[in-house]
Protein backbone atom coordinates (compact mmCIF):
# COMPACT_ATOMS: atom_id res chain seq x y z
CA MET A 1 60.20 158.64 -45.54
CA ALA A 2 62.87 160.63 -47.38
CA GLU A 3 64.02 163.96 -46.03
CA THR A 4 62.76 166.94 -48.03
CA ILE A 5 64.99 169.76 -49.22
CA ARG A 6 63.30 172.11 -46.72
CA GLU A 7 63.97 169.72 -43.81
CA ASN A 8 67.58 169.35 -44.94
CA ILE A 9 68.09 173.13 -44.99
CA LYS A 10 66.34 173.51 -41.62
CA ARG A 11 68.62 170.88 -40.10
CA ARG A 12 71.74 172.60 -41.41
CA VAL A 13 70.55 176.04 -40.31
CA GLY A 14 69.77 174.59 -36.86
CA TRP A 15 73.33 173.30 -36.47
CA LEU A 16 74.77 176.58 -37.70
CA SER A 17 72.55 178.49 -35.26
CA ALA A 18 73.82 176.32 -32.41
CA ILE A 19 77.43 177.00 -33.44
CA GLY A 20 76.72 180.73 -33.65
CA ALA A 21 75.03 180.73 -30.23
CA ALA A 22 77.96 178.84 -28.72
CA GLY A 23 80.28 181.45 -30.23
CA LEU A 24 78.27 184.27 -28.68
CA LEU A 25 78.22 182.54 -25.30
CA THR A 26 81.97 181.97 -25.47
CA GLY A 27 82.45 185.63 -26.32
CA LEU A 28 80.35 186.71 -23.35
CA VAL A 29 82.28 184.49 -20.94
CA SER A 30 85.60 185.62 -22.42
CA SER A 31 84.60 189.27 -22.05
CA ILE A 32 83.79 188.69 -18.39
CA VAL A 33 87.15 186.94 -17.88
CA ILE A 34 89.00 189.79 -19.59
CA ALA A 35 87.16 192.45 -17.58
CA ASN A 36 87.88 190.75 -14.25
CA SER A 37 91.57 189.99 -14.75
CA GLU A 38 94.71 192.07 -14.59
CA PRO A 39 96.27 192.97 -17.96
CA THR A 40 99.46 191.00 -17.29
CA ALA A 41 97.73 187.87 -16.00
CA PRO A 42 97.73 184.75 -18.20
CA VAL A 43 93.95 184.53 -17.69
CA SER A 44 93.61 187.74 -19.69
CA THR A 45 95.45 186.13 -22.62
CA ILE A 46 93.21 183.05 -22.42
CA GLY A 47 90.14 185.29 -22.31
CA LEU A 48 91.36 187.22 -25.33
CA ALA A 49 91.97 183.98 -27.25
CA GLY A 50 88.49 182.77 -26.29
CA PHE A 51 86.98 186.02 -27.51
CA GLY A 52 88.81 185.69 -30.83
CA ALA A 53 87.61 182.10 -31.20
CA SER A 54 84.04 183.19 -30.50
CA VAL A 55 84.19 185.84 -33.23
CA VAL A 56 85.50 183.25 -35.70
CA ALA A 57 82.78 180.72 -34.71
CA PHE A 58 79.95 183.24 -35.01
CA ALA A 59 81.19 184.73 -38.28
CA GLY A 60 81.84 181.26 -39.73
CA ALA A 61 78.34 180.06 -38.88
CA PHE A 62 76.81 183.22 -40.36
CA VAL A 63 78.76 182.93 -43.62
CA ALA A 64 78.04 179.19 -43.87
CA ALA A 65 74.29 179.87 -43.52
CA LEU A 66 74.50 182.34 -46.39
CA ARG A 67 76.32 179.79 -48.55
CA ILE A 68 73.76 176.95 -48.33
CA ARG A 69 73.29 175.43 -51.79
CA CYS A 70 70.33 173.90 -53.59
CA PRO A 71 70.84 170.12 -53.78
CA LYS A 72 69.58 170.03 -57.38
CA CYS A 73 71.26 172.98 -59.18
CA HIS A 74 74.05 173.55 -56.61
CA GLN A 75 73.56 177.33 -56.67
CA ARG A 76 73.69 179.32 -53.43
CA ILE A 77 70.21 179.86 -52.03
CA GLY A 78 71.03 180.73 -48.40
CA ALA A 79 68.97 180.14 -45.29
CA GLY A 80 66.41 182.67 -46.50
CA ALA A 81 65.23 180.10 -49.04
CA LEU A 82 63.11 178.56 -46.27
CA LEU A 83 60.70 181.48 -46.65
CA GLY A 84 59.89 180.53 -50.26
CA LYS A 85 58.29 177.48 -51.82
CA SER A 86 60.99 176.71 -54.37
CA CYS A 87 64.60 177.35 -55.30
CA GLN A 88 64.95 180.83 -56.78
CA LYS A 89 67.46 179.55 -59.35
CA CYS A 90 66.06 176.27 -60.74
CA GLY A 91 62.48 176.23 -59.42
CA VAL A 92 62.62 172.84 -57.65
CA SER A 93 60.07 172.61 -54.85
CA LEU A 94 61.60 172.72 -51.36
CA ASP A 95 59.05 170.10 -50.32
CA SER A 96 60.39 167.51 -52.79
CA PRO A 97 62.60 164.72 -51.44
CA CYS A 98 66.38 165.16 -51.41
CA ALA A 99 68.09 163.09 -54.06
């Protein structure tokens, strides 16, 4: 059975959510490392780099979720499209198979 547009969007949003959650977890661990190290220690630099990477991962996943496109008209519909029944731009049903 072919994957529907809704299932395709859900799959992509699921992966992006996992990347965002990993970014938040990395940020939490990095914050703990930074708080428990001396300012001149190399561990503090590693923690700071980890925190920066976590911000980039979370922000990237968030922006990518907003930029999800309709497979038919290729217009941005975002992850919020899952709440509707069709694409707001071209009207294709989200329950139709992906082409």
